Amino acid sequence: MSSDRAVSNAAFEGGRSDIAIEARGLSKAFPIYAKPHHRLMQMLAPGDKRRWYREFHALKNVDFSVRRGETVGIVGRNGSGKSTLLQIVCGILDPTGGRIEVSGRIAALLELGAGFNPEFTGRENVYLNATVLGLTRDQIEDKFDEIVDFADIGEFIDQPVKTYSSGMYVRLAFAVAINVMPEILIVDEALSVGDEGFQRKCFAKIDEIRDAGATVLFVSHSAGTVIELCDRAILIDHGELIRIGAPKEVVADYQRLIYAPADKARGLRERIRAEYHGAADIDATPTPRTAADGGVERPQDAEAFADFWDEHLLPKSTVRYESFGASIEDPHIETPEGRRVNVICHGREYEYVYTARFSRAHAGVRFGMMIKTVVGVEIAGAATSTEQAGGGVVDAGDEVRVRFRFRCALNAGTYFLNAGIVAASPEGERYIERHVDAAMFRVMPVSGSLSTALVDLDFSPQLSRTMR
């Protein structure tokens, strides 16, 4: 198949002025040489029928389109072809098959600072990089103060960038690219630059660009970011487009795919793709399956997800504090019927359960738990009172089954659970056993939910219009 690429500031042929990016049959293959001298052999004998390389297909027959003003996220496992796709859209790579059409000026946040000259000052690199991105000198001068303020590197703007820290270097590169106010913004995991304050400023700027009518296409491993920012999402796996659709539903399929066992991932992948392409032999009725099968069948209504146990969803950051005659065993979440789960559904009731065993007597015993985000923000917690469990007194050899029932008000995401036991001491309460990140769980997205952030407080928005 021959490849073709068209970049235009005009409307597409056929009156498709609403389309900013369109890919048809897009493919990209890279030659892989087994030995270094094979590359030379290929160069010396280009007409030879023998090939000195094998092909790695990073993209295979990808079709999609992005409308003007739309924000589309791309998700997929590492090595699935996401970055290759963005590089083709930006014109950095040419496809080996298919066609890509792009209408509008692009600003790409891919390899930030790749065009910087380390010997030039920050000021000189701003002019250089902004010129490459298509701005005139007058436009750069109008934007210069805004770029410097955004980068927040102070007097270092007149120092050679080779003297910058890595954070300063990336912030300046990001500031140049983000302040060009492009018609199409391409982002490849660049939203993780800098500290939290700078990241918030980056998101605010992207919102400004979106509000101005720009098209945004970006790659992210953050499910929350994709769900919050995007109008649609694309799932790519092994170079193939698996599905396009509502961000929450696509992210749910992506998470099912990455946590599926290796021997079941291919079957799950084919089921997701068949559902997207409307295969007639796929039963839309959800069929419960074991964790070894990679989760549950995805029904057409994302709200009908069944909770289940994913044996691969285990914390790797567990910290156990020093024990003083107590132990916490088997912390996990159960349904009210006693079924163990760690992929749960918003709005349903569950119990966080663990067993406490004591090798010495204690008084004033209380049991506790805490739910945290991936970055450690404490969301909610609870503790028992000393009046429970026999007045808070335990003897050596006692065993206590601890249960915390809760209704899941959390929005889609991954969360961690702590477990702890405190007891009375001459100095006051102290931990006699504590596990940080004792367990983890995932909350599945809910189709059509308008709740944002971490917790759904069941708001009831009301509007009152005053007529003039």
Protein backbone atom coordinates (compact mmCIF):
# COMPACT_ATOMS: atom_id res chain seq x y z
CA MET A 1 0.00 0.00 0.00
CA SER A 2 1.33 3.41 -0.84
CA SER A 3 1.46 6.11 1.82
CA ASP A 4 0.25 9.66 1.56
CA ARG A 5 0.27 12.65 3.84
CA ALA A 6 -1.57 15.92 3.38
CA VAL A 7 -1.26 18.99 5.59
CA SER A 8 -3.49 21.92 4.80
CA ASN A 9 -4.89 25.03 6.42
CA ALA A 10 -7.92 24.79 4.16
CA ALA A 11 -10.98 22.60 4.42
CA PHE A 12 -10.74 19.01 3.27
CA GLU A 13 -12.04 17.98 -0.08
CA GLY A 14 -15.68 17.06 -0.13
CA GLY A 15 -16.66 19.86 2.23
CA ARG A 16 -15.36 18.15 5.38
CA SER A 17 -14.34 21.42 7.05
CA ASP A 18 -15.32 20.03 10.45
CA ILE A 19 -12.48 17.49 10.42
CA ALA A 20 -9.07 18.50 11.81
CA ILE A 21 -7.31 15.11 11.64
CA GLU A 22 -8.24 12.12 9.53
CA ALA A 23 -6.37 8.82 9.20
CA ARG A 24 -7.30 6.05 6.79
CA GLY A 25 -5.53 2.70 6.70
CA LEU A 26 -2.58 4.20 8.56
CA SER A 27 0.35 1.82 8.98
CA LYS A 28 3.97 2.17 10.06
CA ALA A 29 6.67 -0.50 9.85
CA PHE A 30 10.24 -0.20 11.09
CA PRO A 31 13.13 -2.37 9.85
CA ILE A 32 14.77 -4.46 12.57
CA TYR A 33 18.28 -5.69 11.82
CA ALA A 34 19.62 -8.76 13.62
CA LYS A 35 23.23 -7.63 13.26
CA PRO A 36 24.77 -4.15 12.70
CA HIS A 37 26.41 -5.08 9.39
CA HIS A 38 23.06 -6.17 7.93
CA ARG A 39 22.10 -2.49 7.75
CA LEU A 40 25.15 -1.87 5.54
CA MET A 41 24.34 -4.89 3.40
CA GLN A 42 20.85 -3.54 2.81
CA MET A 43 22.22 -0.15 1.81
CA LEU A 44 24.74 -1.66 -0.63
CA ALA A 45 22.18 -3.93 -2.29
CA PRO A 46 18.85 -2.06 -2.31
CA GLY A 47 17.62 -3.95 -5.39
CA ASP A 48 18.49 -7.35 -3.96
CA LYS A 49 15.44 -9.54 -3.44
CA ARG A 50 16.85 -10.70 -0.15
CA ARG A 51 15.93 -8.54 2.79
CA TRP A 52 18.49 -8.11 5.54
CA TYR A 53 15.88 -7.12 8.09
CA ARG A 54 12.51 -8.06 9.49
CA GLU A 55 9.68 -5.60 9.85
CA PHE A 56 8.18 -4.45 13.12
CA HIS A 57 4.66 -3.10 12.55
CA ALA A 58 4.13 -0.30 15.05
CA LEU A 59 0.77 0.63 13.48
CA LYS A 60 -1.57 -1.55 11.45
CA ASN A 61 -4.40 -0.17 9.32
CA VAL A 62 -5.59 2.52 11.75
CA ASP A 63 -8.72 4.53 10.87
CA PHE A 64 -10.00 7.50 12.87
CA SER A 65 -10.96 11.14 12.57
CA VAL A 66 -10.93 14.06 15.00
CA ARG A 67 -13.34 16.94 14.62
CA ARG A 68 -12.31 20.56 15.02
CA GLY A 69 -12.51 21.68 18.64
CA GLU A 70 -12.63 18.09 19.92
CA THR A 71 -10.37 16.68 22.64
CA VAL A 72 -9.40 13.06 22.07
CA GLY A 73 -7.26 10.92 24.38
CA ILE A 74 -5.24 7.91 23.28
CA VAL A 75 -4.72 5.08 25.77
CA GLY A 76 -2.86 1.80 25.47
CA ARG A 77 -0.11 -0.26 27.00
CA ASN A 78 3.56 0.68 26.60
CA GLY A 79 4.74 -0.14 23.09
CA SER A 80 1.23 -0.21 21.63
CA GLY A 81 1.99 2.46 18.99
CA LYS A 82 0.55 5.59 20.64
CA SER A 83 3.65 7.77 20.32
CA THR A 84 4.28 6.55 16.76
CA LEU A 85 0.77 7.65 15.84
CA LEU A 86 1.31 11.13 17.28
CA GLN A 87 4.63 11.48 15.47
CA ILE A 88 2.94 10.65 12.17
CA VAL A 89 0.20 13.20 12.85
CA CYS A 90 2.89 15.81 13.56
CA GLY A 91 4.83 14.95 10.40
CA ILE A 92 7.92 13.72 12.26
CA LEU A 93 7.44 10.26 10.74
CA ASP A 94 5.97 9.27 7.40
CA PRO A 95 3.53 6.36 7.29
CA THR A 96 4.48 3.27 5.29
CA GLY A 97 0.84 2.76 4.36
CA GLY A 98 -2.43 4.63 4.38
CA ARG A 99 -3.19 8.32 4.47
CA ILE A 100 -3.11 11.06 7.11
CA GLU A 101 -4.70 14.47 6.60
CA VAL A 102 -4.16 17.34 9.03
CA SER A 103 -5.84 20.72 8.73
CA GLY A 104 -4.44 23.48 10.95
CA ARG A 105 -1.25 24.72 12.62
CA ILE A 106 0.14 22.12 15.03
CA ALA A 107 2.01 22.61 18.30
CA ALA A 108 3.45 19.33 19.55
CA LEU A 109 4.49 18.56 23.12
CA LEU A 110 6.42 15.40 22.37
CA GLU A 111 10.15 15.45 23.10
CA LEU A 112 10.17 18.75 24.95
CA GLY A 113 13.21 20.86 24.25
CA ALA A 114 14.41 18.67 21.37
CA GLY A 115 14.91 21.79 19.25
CA PHE A 116 16.85 23.75 21.88
CA ASN A 117 20.47 24.69 21.32
CA PRO A 118 22.29 24.12 24.65
CA GLU A 119 24.76 26.94 23.91
CA PHE A 120 21.99 29.50 23.38
CA THR A 121 20.38 31.39 26.23
CA GLY A 122 16.79 30.71 27.22
CA ARG A 123 15.76 33.94 25.48
CA GLU A 124 17.46 32.91 22.23
CA ASN A 125 15.91 29.45 22.39
CA VAL A 126 12.44 30.94 22.86
CA TYR A 127 12.85 32.85 19.60
CA LEU A 128 14.37 29.81 17.86
CA ASN A 129 11.73 27.32 19.04
CA ALA A 130 8.78 29.63 18.47
CA THR A 131 10.00 30.33 14.93
CA VAL A 132 10.11 26.59 14.26
CA LEU A 133 6.52 26.38 15.52
CA GLY A 134 5.47 28.97 12.92
CA LEU A 135 5.41 32.31 14.75
CA THR A 136 6.80 35.52 13.24
CA ARG A 137 9.24 37.67 15.18
CA ASP A 138 6.52 40.21 15.99
CA GLN A 139 4.26 37.44 17.28
CA ILE A 140 7.08 36.05 19.42
CA GLU A 141 7.77 39.46 20.91
CA ASP A 142 4.10 39.86 21.77
CA LYS A 143 4.13 36.45 23.47
CA PHE A 144 7.59 36.61 25.03
CA ASP A 145 6.66 37.98 28.47
CA GLU A 146 3.78 35.51 28.71
CA ILE A 147 6.12 32.62 27.88
CA VAL A 148 8.71 33.68 30.46
CA ASP A 149 6.08 34.20 33.16
CA PHE A 150 4.63 30.77 32.42
CA ALA A 151 8.03 29.03 32.60
CA ASP A 152 8.86 30.82 35.87
CA ILE A 153 12.64 30.54 35.55
CA GLY A 154 13.40 34.17 36.51
CA GLU A 155 16.76 35.64 35.58
CA PHE A 156 17.92 32.33 34.12
CA ILE A 157 16.17 33.32 30.89
CA ASP A 158 19.43 35.04 29.85
CA GLN A 159 21.69 32.12 30.81
CA PRO A 160 22.69 29.25 28.46
CA VAL A 161 20.17 26.44 28.73
CA LYS A 162 23.04 23.97 29.30
CA THR A 163 23.22 25.44 32.82
CA TYR A 164 19.52 24.73 33.51
CA SER A 165 18.22 21.98 35.72
CA SER A 166 16.14 19.37 33.90
CA GLY A 167 12.98 20.87 35.39
CA MET A 168 13.79 24.38 34.18
CA TYR A 169 14.67 23.08 30.73
CA VAL A 170 11.38 21.22 30.33
CA ARG A 171 9.30 24.06 31.78
CA LEU A 172 10.71 26.54 29.27
CA ALA A 173 10.13 24.15 26.37
CA PHE A 174 6.59 23.52 27.55
CA ALA A 175 5.94 27.24 27.98
CA VAL A 176 7.00 27.97 24.39
CA ALA A 177 4.87 25.20 22.88
CA ILE A 178 1.78 25.84 24.99
CA ASN A 179 1.71 29.61 24.38
CA VAL A 180 1.74 29.38 20.59
CA MET A 181 -2.09 29.03 20.76
CA PRO A 182 -2.21 26.39 18.02
CA GLU A 183 -5.19 25.15 16.07
CA ILE A 184 -4.14 21.58 16.92
CA LEU A 185 -2.33 20.66 20.13
CA ILE A 186 -0.55 17.27 20.28
CA VAL A 187 0.58 16.06 23.72
CA ASP A 188 2.54 12.90 24.53
CA GLU A 189 2.65 12.43 28.33
CA ALA A 190 4.09 15.94 28.70
CA LEU A 191 1.52 16.82 31.37
CA SER A 192 3.71 15.24 34.07
CA VAL A 193 6.38 17.95 33.90
CA GLY A 194 7.29 20.06 36.92
CA ASP A 195 5.70 20.16 40.35
CA GLU A 196 1.98 20.04 41.14
CA GLY A 197 1.62 23.82 40.88
CA PHE A 198 3.15 23.90 37.41
CA GLN A 199 1.07 20.91 36.29
CA ARG A 200 -2.11 22.71 37.39
CA LYS A 201 -1.02 25.75 35.37
CA CYS A 202 -0.45 23.50 32.34
CA PHE A 203 -3.94 22.02 32.61
CA ALA A 204 -5.44 25.50 32.93
CA LYS A 205 -3.62 26.59 29.78
CA ILE A 206 -4.83 23.53 27.88
CA ASP A 207 -8.38 24.37 29.00
CA GLU A 208 -7.86 27.88 27.61
CA ILE A 209 -6.68 26.44 24.30
CA ARG A 210 -9.67 24.10 24.16
CA ASP A 211 -12.07 26.94 24.96
CA ALA A 212 -10.56 28.92 22.08
CA GLY A 213 -11.71 26.15 19.73
CA ALA A 214 -8.44 24.24 19.27
CA THR A 215 -8.30 20.50 18.67
CA VAL A 216 -6.40 18.47 21.29
CA LEU A 217 -5.00 14.99 20.74
CA PHE A 218 -2.99 13.48 23.57
CA VAL A 219 -1.59 10.31 25.07
CA SER A 220 -1.95 9.65 28.78
CA HIS A 221 -1.75 6.71 31.17
CA SER A 222 -3.88 8.64 33.66
CA ALA A 223 -7.46 7.39 33.49
CA GLY A 224 -8.71 10.39 35.44
CA THR A 225 -7.07 12.84 33.04
CA VAL A 226 -8.58 11.15 29.98
CA ILE A 227 -12.05 10.99 31.52
CA GLU A 228 -11.92 14.59 32.74
CA LEU A 229 -10.48 16.26 29.64
CA CYS A 230 -11.69 14.24 26.67
CA ASP A 231 -14.77 14.17 24.49
CA ARG A 232 -13.75 10.76 23.11
CA ALA A 233 -10.97 8.24 23.67
CA ILE A 234 -9.09 5.78 21.44
CA LEU A 235 -7.73 2.44 22.65
CA ILE A 236 -4.70 1.11 20.77
CA ASP A 237 -3.07 -2.26 21.39
CA HIS A 238 -0.24 -3.93 19.44
CA GLY A 239 -0.49 -1.21 16.79
CA GLU A 240 -4.19 -1.79 16.13
CA LEU A 241 -7.11 0.46 16.96
CA ILE A 242 -9.29 -1.62 19.27
CA ARG A 243 -12.11 0.81 19.91
CA ILE A 244 -13.19 4.47 19.95
CA GLY A 245 -15.90 5.82 22.19
CA ALA A 246 -16.90 7.56 25.40
CA PRO A 247 -13.81 8.08 27.60
CA LYS A 248 -15.18 6.22 30.64
CA GLU A 249 -16.05 3.13 28.61
CA VAL A 250 -12.78 3.11 26.67
CA VAL A 251 -10.73 3.59 29.85
CA ALA A 252 -12.64 0.74 31.50
CA ASP A 253 -11.71 -1.58 28.62
CA TYR A 254 -8.10 -0.35 28.76
CA GLN A 255 -7.87 -1.13 32.48
CA ARG A 256 -9.39 -4.57 31.97
CA LEU A 257 -6.82 -5.22 29.26
CA ILE A 258 -3.71 -4.17 31.20
CA TYR A 259 -4.67 -6.21 34.25
CA ALA A 260 -5.68 -9.33 32.34
CA PRO A 261 -3.34 -12.35 32.65
CA ALA A 262 -1.02 -12.73 29.66
CA ASP A 263 -2.65 -15.94 28.50
CA LYS A 264 -6.11 -14.34 28.52
CA ALA A 265 -5.25 -10.86 27.22
CA ARG A 266 -5.47 -11.77 23.55
CA GLY A 267 -8.95 -13.25 23.88
CA LEU A 268 -10.15 -10.24 25.88
CA ARG A 269 -8.64 -7.89 23.28
CA GLU A 270 -10.48 -9.63 20.46
CA ARG A 271 -13.76 -9.49 22.37
CA ILE A 272 -13.40 -5.75 22.95
CA ARG A 273 -12.59 -5.14 19.30
CA ALA A 274 -15.44 -7.36 18.12
CA GLU A 275 -17.88 -5.49 20.35
CA TYR A 276 -16.68 -2.15 18.96
CA HIS A 277 -17.05 -3.32 15.37
CA GLY A 278 -20.51 -4.73 16.15
CA ALA A 279 -19.81 -8.43 15.69
CA ALA A 280 -23.07 -10.35 15.53
CA ASP A 281 -21.79 -13.28 17.59
CA ILE A 282 -21.01 -11.22 20.67
CA ASP A 283 -23.65 -11.59 23.35
CA ALA A 284 -24.35 -8.17 24.89
CA THR A 285 -25.55 -9.79 28.14
CA PRO A 286 -22.83 -9.59 30.84
CA THR A 287 -21.50 -13.01 31.73
CA PRO A 288 -19.64 -13.28 35.07
CA ARG A 289 -16.20 -14.74 34.70
CA THR A 290 -13.28 -15.44 36.98
CA ALA A 291 -10.22 -13.24 37.40
CA ALA A 292 -8.27 -15.79 35.34
CA ASP A 293 -10.51 -14.92 32.40
CA GLY A 294 -9.46 -11.29 32.63
CA GLY A 295 -12.50 -9.87 34.39
CA VAL A 296 -16.08 -9.82 33.20
CA GLU A 297 -17.69 -9.42 29.82
CA ARG A 298 -18.35 -5.76 29.10
CA PRO A 299 -22.08 -5.12 28.61
CA GLN A 300 -23.25 -2.41 26.27
CA ASP A 301 -24.30 -0.32 29.28
CA ALA A 302 -21.17 0.49 31.27
CA GLU A 303 -23.27 0.90 34.44
CA ALA A 304 -24.02 -2.84 34.35
CA PHE A 305 -20.42 -3.79 35.12
CA ALA A 306 -20.19 -6.63 37.63
CA ASP A 307 -17.68 -6.26 40.44
CA PHE A 308 -15.04 -8.97 40.50
CA TRP A 309 -11.71 -10.12 41.90
CA ASP A 310 -8.59 -9.36 39.85
CA GLU A 311 -5.74 -11.49 41.17
CA HIS A 312 -3.17 -9.19 39.60
CA LEU A 313 -4.43 -6.05 41.35
CA LEU A 314 -2.12 -6.27 44.35
CA PRO A 315 -0.18 -3.43 46.02
CA LYS A 316 3.59 -3.38 45.67
CA SER A 317 4.09 -0.55 48.18
CA THR A 318 2.87 -2.22 51.38
CA VAL A 319 4.64 -1.04 54.55
CA ARG A 320 4.19 -2.94 57.85
CA TYR A 321 4.99 -1.06 61.04
CA GLU A 322 6.62 -2.70 64.05
CA SER A 323 4.16 -4.98 65.83
CA PHE A 324 3.51 -4.92 69.59
CA GLY A 325 1.64 -8.13 70.22
CA ALA A 326 -0.87 -7.84 67.40
CA SER A 327 -1.09 -8.82 63.74
CA ILE A 328 -3.34 -7.86 60.82
CA GLU A 329 -4.09 -10.63 58.34
CA ASP A 330 -5.83 -10.85 54.98
CA PRO A 331 -7.13 -7.29 54.46
CA HIS A 332 -9.57 -7.24 51.52
CA ILE A 333 -12.95 -6.01 50.25
CA GLU A 334 -16.06 -8.20 50.16
CA THR A 335 -19.58 -7.83 48.88
CA PRO A 336 -22.33 -8.02 51.56
CA GLU A 337 -22.77 -11.66 50.48
CA GLY A 338 -19.12 -12.40 51.34
CA ARG A 339 -17.69 -12.55 47.80
CA ARG A 340 -14.11 -11.21 47.62
CA VAL A 341 -13.69 -8.34 45.11
CA ASN A 342 -11.18 -5.61 44.30
CA VAL A 343 -12.77 -4.14 41.18
CA ILE A 344 -15.94 -2.52 42.46
CA CYS A 345 -18.87 -0.45 41.26
CA HIS A 346 -19.88 3.05 42.22
CA GLY A 347 -22.99 3.24 44.40
CA ARG A 348 -22.89 -0.32 45.73
CA GLU A 349 -22.24 -1.47 49.30
CA TYR A 350 -19.08 -3.33 50.31
CA GLU A 351 -17.17 -4.33 53.42
CA TYR A 352 -13.48 -3.78 54.11
CA VAL A 353 -12.46 -6.83 56.15
CA TYR A 354 -9.37 -7.97 58.02
CA THR A 355 -8.53 -10.34 60.88
CA ALA A 356 -6.70 -9.13 64.00
CA ARG A 357 -4.80 -11.63 66.15
CA PHE A 358 -3.23 -10.84 69.52
CA SER A 359 -0.24 -12.48 71.17
CA ARG A 360 -0.49 -10.36 74.32
CA ALA A 361 -3.23 -8.64 76.31
CA HIS A 362 -4.16 -5.02 75.57
CA ALA A 363 -6.69 -2.49 76.79
CA GLY A 364 -8.32 0.40 74.96
CA VAL A 365 -8.08 -1.42 71.64
CA ARG A 366 -9.53 0.26 68.57
CA PHE A 367 -9.42 -0.78 64.92
CA GLY A 368 -9.10 1.59 61.98
CA MET A 369 -8.86 1.97 58.21
CA MET A 370 -8.09 4.64 55.64
CA ILE A 371 -8.66 5.05 51.88
CA LYS A 372 -6.03 6.96 49.88
CA THR A 373 -5.39 7.96 46.29
CA VAL A 374 -2.46 6.75 44.20
CA VAL A 375 -0.47 9.84 45.24
CA GLY A 376 -1.29 9.32 48.92
CA VAL A 377 -4.09 11.82 49.50
CA GLU A 378 -6.27 10.60 52.39
CA ILE A 379 -9.89 10.52 51.21
CA ALA A 380 -11.83 8.83 54.01
CA GLY A 381 -11.26 6.74 57.09
CA ALA A 382 -13.04 5.20 60.08
CA ALA A 383 -12.28 3.67 63.46
CA THR A 384 -14.10 1.57 66.05
CA SER A 385 -14.79 2.80 69.56
CA THR A 386 -13.34 1.31 72.74
CA GLU A 387 -16.85 0.18 73.72
CA GLN A 388 -16.78 -2.32 70.89
CA ALA A 389 -14.94 -5.67 71.01
CA GLY A 390 -15.56 -6.32 74.71
CA GLY A 391 -14.87 -2.79 75.90
CA GLY A 392 -11.61 -2.60 74.02
CA VAL A 393 -9.94 -5.31 76.12
CA VAL A 394 -8.28 -8.31 74.46
CA ASP A 395 -6.30 -11.23 75.84
CA ALA A 396 -3.40 -13.16 74.37
CA GLY A 397 -4.74 -15.63 71.82
CA ASP A 398 -7.82 -13.56 70.96
CA GLU A 399 -8.89 -13.15 67.36
CA VAL A 400 -11.15 -10.36 66.10
CA ARG A 401 -12.82 -10.16 62.71
CA VAL A 402 -12.96 -6.47 61.75
CA ARG A 403 -15.51 -5.19 59.23
CA PHE A 404 -16.09 -1.68 57.88
CA ARG A 405 -19.22 -1.50 55.72
CA PHE A 406 -19.36 1.38 53.24
CA ARG A 407 -21.22 2.55 50.16
CA CYS A 408 -18.80 3.33 47.34
CA ALA A 409 -19.13 7.06 46.61
CA LEU A 410 -15.76 7.20 44.86
CA ASN A 411 -15.48 8.06 41.18
CA ALA A 412 -13.51 5.92 38.73
CA GLY A 413 -9.90 5.35 39.69
CA THR A 414 -7.46 3.22 41.68
CA TYR A 415 -7.27 3.52 45.46
CA PHE A 416 -5.30 2.08 48.39
CA LEU A 417 -6.37 0.90 51.86
CA ASN A 418 -4.60 1.17 55.21
CA ALA A 419 -5.35 -0.98 58.26
CA GLY A 420 -4.34 -0.24 61.83
CA ILE A 421 -4.82 -1.22 65.48
CA VAL A 422 -4.24 1.14 68.41
CA ALA A 423 -4.24 0.39 72.14
CA ALA A 424 -3.88 2.31 75.38
CA SER A 425 -0.39 2.96 76.75
CA PRO A 426 1.02 5.13 79.58
CA GLU A 427 1.74 7.83 76.98
CA GLY A 428 -1.72 7.58 75.41
CA GLU A 429 -2.87 5.67 72.35
CA ARG A 430 -0.22 4.06 70.16
CA TYR A 431 -0.22 1.79 67.14
CA ILE A 432 0.33 -1.84 68.06
CA GLU A 433 0.01 -2.90 64.42
CA ARG A 434 -0.32 -0.90 61.21
CA HIS A 435 -0.22 -1.72 57.49
CA VAL A 436 0.08 1.09 54.94
CA ASP A 437 -1.17 0.19 51.44
CA ALA A 438 -2.44 -3.09 52.82
CA ALA A 439 -4.76 -3.58 49.85
CA MET A 440 -5.81 -1.81 46.68
CA PHE A 441 -8.95 -1.63 44.60
CA ARG A 442 -10.30 -0.06 41.46
CA VAL A 443 -13.63 1.70 40.93
CA MET A 444 -15.12 1.20 37.47
CA PRO A 445 -16.38 4.19 35.44
CA VAL A 446 -20.09 4.93 35.28
CA SER A 447 -21.52 5.76 31.88
CA GLY A 448 -23.27 9.13 31.78
CA SER A 449 -22.13 10.25 35.23
CA LEU A 450 -21.67 14.03 35.57
CA SER A 451 -19.80 13.76 38.88
CA THR A 452 -16.24 15.08 38.86
CA ALA A 453 -13.13 14.82 41.07
CA LEU A 454 -12.69 11.94 43.53
CA VAL A 455 -15.97 11.66 45.44
CA ASP A 456 -19.58 11.76 44.27
CA LEU A 457 -21.58 13.70 46.87
CA ASP A 458 -24.81 13.12 44.95
CA PHE A 459 -25.23 16.76 44.07
CA SER A 460 -28.56 17.81 42.56
CA PRO A 461 -27.84 20.81 40.30
CA GLN A 462 -30.75 23.20 39.83
CA LEU A 463 -31.09 26.09 37.43
CA SER A 464 -33.37 29.08 37.76
CA ARG A 465 -33.63 31.25 34.72
CA THR A 466 -34.68 34.88 34.98
CA MET A 467 -36.49 36.03 31.87
CA ARG A 468 -35.82 39.51 30.53
